[in-house]
Amino acid sequence: MVALERPAARIDVKMLELLVCPVTKTALSYDEARQELVSRAARLAYPIRDGIPIMLPDEARPLADD
């Protein structure tokens, strides 16, 4: 059975302007391709599921060293 991929939900730009990293309280950048909010300061990427940012550090993906 092939899983059907749903199109990514769009995130509200106004909401994005209000959100900050819960760890560092710094601005986040939006990675539309991965559906994540990225905190460069904390080196974490917070997932967006069904258009809802999951702003829990335990749910965040650590960023690889560049």
C-alpha atoms as a PDB file:
ATOM      1  CA  MET A   1       0.000   0.000   0.000  1.00  0.00           C
ATOM      2  CA  VAL A   2       1.340   3.418  -0.954  1.00  0.00           C
ATOM      3  CA  ALA A   3       0.961   6.189   1.610  1.00  0.00           C
ATOM      4  CA  LEU A   4      -0.581   9.335   0.219  1.00  0.00           C
ATOM      5  CA  GLU A   5       1.326  12.470   1.037  1.00  0.00           C
ATOM      6  CA  ARG A   6      -0.804  15.434   2.015  1.00  0.00           C
ATOM      7  CA  PRO A   7       0.212  18.883   0.810  1.00  0.00           C
ATOM      8  CA  ALA A   8       1.955  20.955   3.475  1.00  0.00           C
ATOM      9  CA  ALA A   9      -0.337  23.322   5.333  1.00  0.00           C
ATOM     10  CA  ARG A  10       0.542  26.982   4.959  1.00  0.00           C
ATOM     11  CA  ILE A  11       1.665  28.804   8.068  1.00  0.00           C
ATOM     12  CA  ASP A  12       0.261  32.252   8.823  1.00  0.00           C
ATOM     13  CA  VAL A  13       3.003  34.840   8.202  1.00  0.00           C
ATOM     14  CA  LYS A  14       1.630  37.110  10.945  1.00  0.00           C
ATOM     15  CA  MET A  15       1.880  34.273  13.463  1.00  0.00           C
ATOM     16  CA  LEU A  16       5.445  33.565  12.349  1.00  0.00           C
ATOM     17  CA  GLU A  17       6.386  37.177  13.109  1.00  0.00           C
ATOM     18  CA  LEU A  18       5.165  36.731  16.701  1.00  0.00           C
ATOM     19  CA  LEU A  19       6.841  33.412  17.465  1.00  0.00           C
ATOM     20  CA  VAL A  20      10.274  33.177  19.072  1.00  0.00           C
ATOM     21  CA  CYS A  21      12.417  30.252  20.127  1.00  0.00           C
ATOM     22  CA  PRO A  22      11.246  29.038  23.556  1.00  0.00           C
ATOM     23  CA  VAL A  23      14.858  28.335  24.555  1.00  0.00           C
ATOM     24  CA  THR A  24      16.669  31.505  23.435  1.00  0.00           C
ATOM     25  CA  LYS A  25      13.775  33.935  22.858  1.00  0.00           C
ATOM     26  CA  THR A  26      15.301  34.821  19.478  1.00  0.00           C
ATOM     27  CA  ALA A  27      13.666  35.055  16.044  1.00  0.00           C
ATOM     28  CA  LEU A  28      12.912  31.936  14.005  1.00  0.00           C
ATOM     29  CA  SER A  29      13.255  31.359  10.283  1.00  0.00           C
ATOM     30  CA  TYR A  30      10.715  29.372   8.292  1.00  0.00           C
ATOM     31  CA  ASP A  31      11.911  26.399   6.259  1.00  0.00           C
ATOM     32  CA  GLU A  32       8.946  25.758   3.976  1.00  0.00           C
ATOM     33  CA  ALA A  33      10.465  22.675   2.324  1.00  0.00           C
ATOM     34  CA  ARG A  34      10.964  20.874   5.647  1.00  0.00           C
ATOM     35  CA  GLN A  35       7.952  22.467   7.363  1.00  0.00           C
ATOM     36  CA  GLU A  36      10.063  23.641  10.301  1.00  0.00           C
ATOM     37  CA  LEU A  37      10.805  26.785  12.264  1.00  0.00           C
ATOM     38  CA  VAL A  38      14.540  27.077  12.719  1.00  0.00           C
ATOM     39  CA  SER A  39      16.350  28.646  15.670  1.00  0.00           C
ATOM     40  CA  ARG A  40      19.965  29.220  14.641  1.00  0.00           C
ATOM     41  CA  ALA A  41      20.798  30.437  18.168  1.00  0.00           C
ATOM     42  CA  ALA A  42      19.549  27.233  19.824  1.00  0.00           C
ATOM     43  CA  ARG A  43      20.587  25.019  16.862  1.00  0.00           C
ATOM     44  CA  LEU A  44      17.075  23.495  16.848  1.00  0.00           C
ATOM     45  CA  ALA A  45      14.355  23.034  14.227  1.00  0.00           C
ATOM     46  CA  TYR A  46      10.772  22.949  15.501  1.00  0.00           C
ATOM     47  CA  PRO A  47       8.341  20.903  13.376  1.00  0.00           C
ATOM     48  CA  ILE A  48       5.136  22.259  11.888  1.00  0.00           C
ATOM     49  CA  ARG A  49       2.387  19.634  11.818  1.00  0.00           C
ATOM     50  CA  ASP A  50      -0.880  20.306  10.011  1.00  0.00           C
ATOM     51  CA  GLY A  51      -0.057  24.023  10.025  1.00  0.00           C
ATOM     52  CA  ILE A  52       0.614  24.107  13.781  1.00  0.00           C
ATOM     53  CA  PRO A  53       4.120  24.890  15.053  1.00  0.00           C
ATOM     54  CA  ILE A  54       5.187  22.442  17.764  1.00  0.00           C
ATOM     55  CA  MET A  55       7.254  24.737  19.986  1.00  0.00           C
ATOM     56  CA  LEU A  56       8.455  22.127  22.472  1.00  0.00           C
ATOM     57  CA  PRO A  57      12.235  21.704  22.819  1.00  0.00           C
ATOM     58  CA  ASP A  58      11.739  17.948  23.304  1.00  0.00           C
ATOM     59  CA  GLU A  59      10.049  17.756  19.885  1.00  0.00           C
ATOM     60  CA  ALA A  60      12.717  19.841  18.101  1.00  0.00           C
ATOM     61  CA  ARG A  61      15.301  18.362  15.776  1.00  0.00           C
ATOM     62  CA  PRO A  62      18.925  19.274  16.562  1.00  0.00           C
ATOM     63  CA  LEU A  63      20.621  21.003  13.647  1.00  0.00           C
ATOM     64  CA  ALA A  64      23.735  19.389  12.213  1.00  0.00           C
ATOM     65  CA  ASP A  65      26.991  21.313  12.374  1.00  0.00           C
ATOM     66  CA  ASP A  66      27.641  23.255   9.167  1.00  0.00           C
END
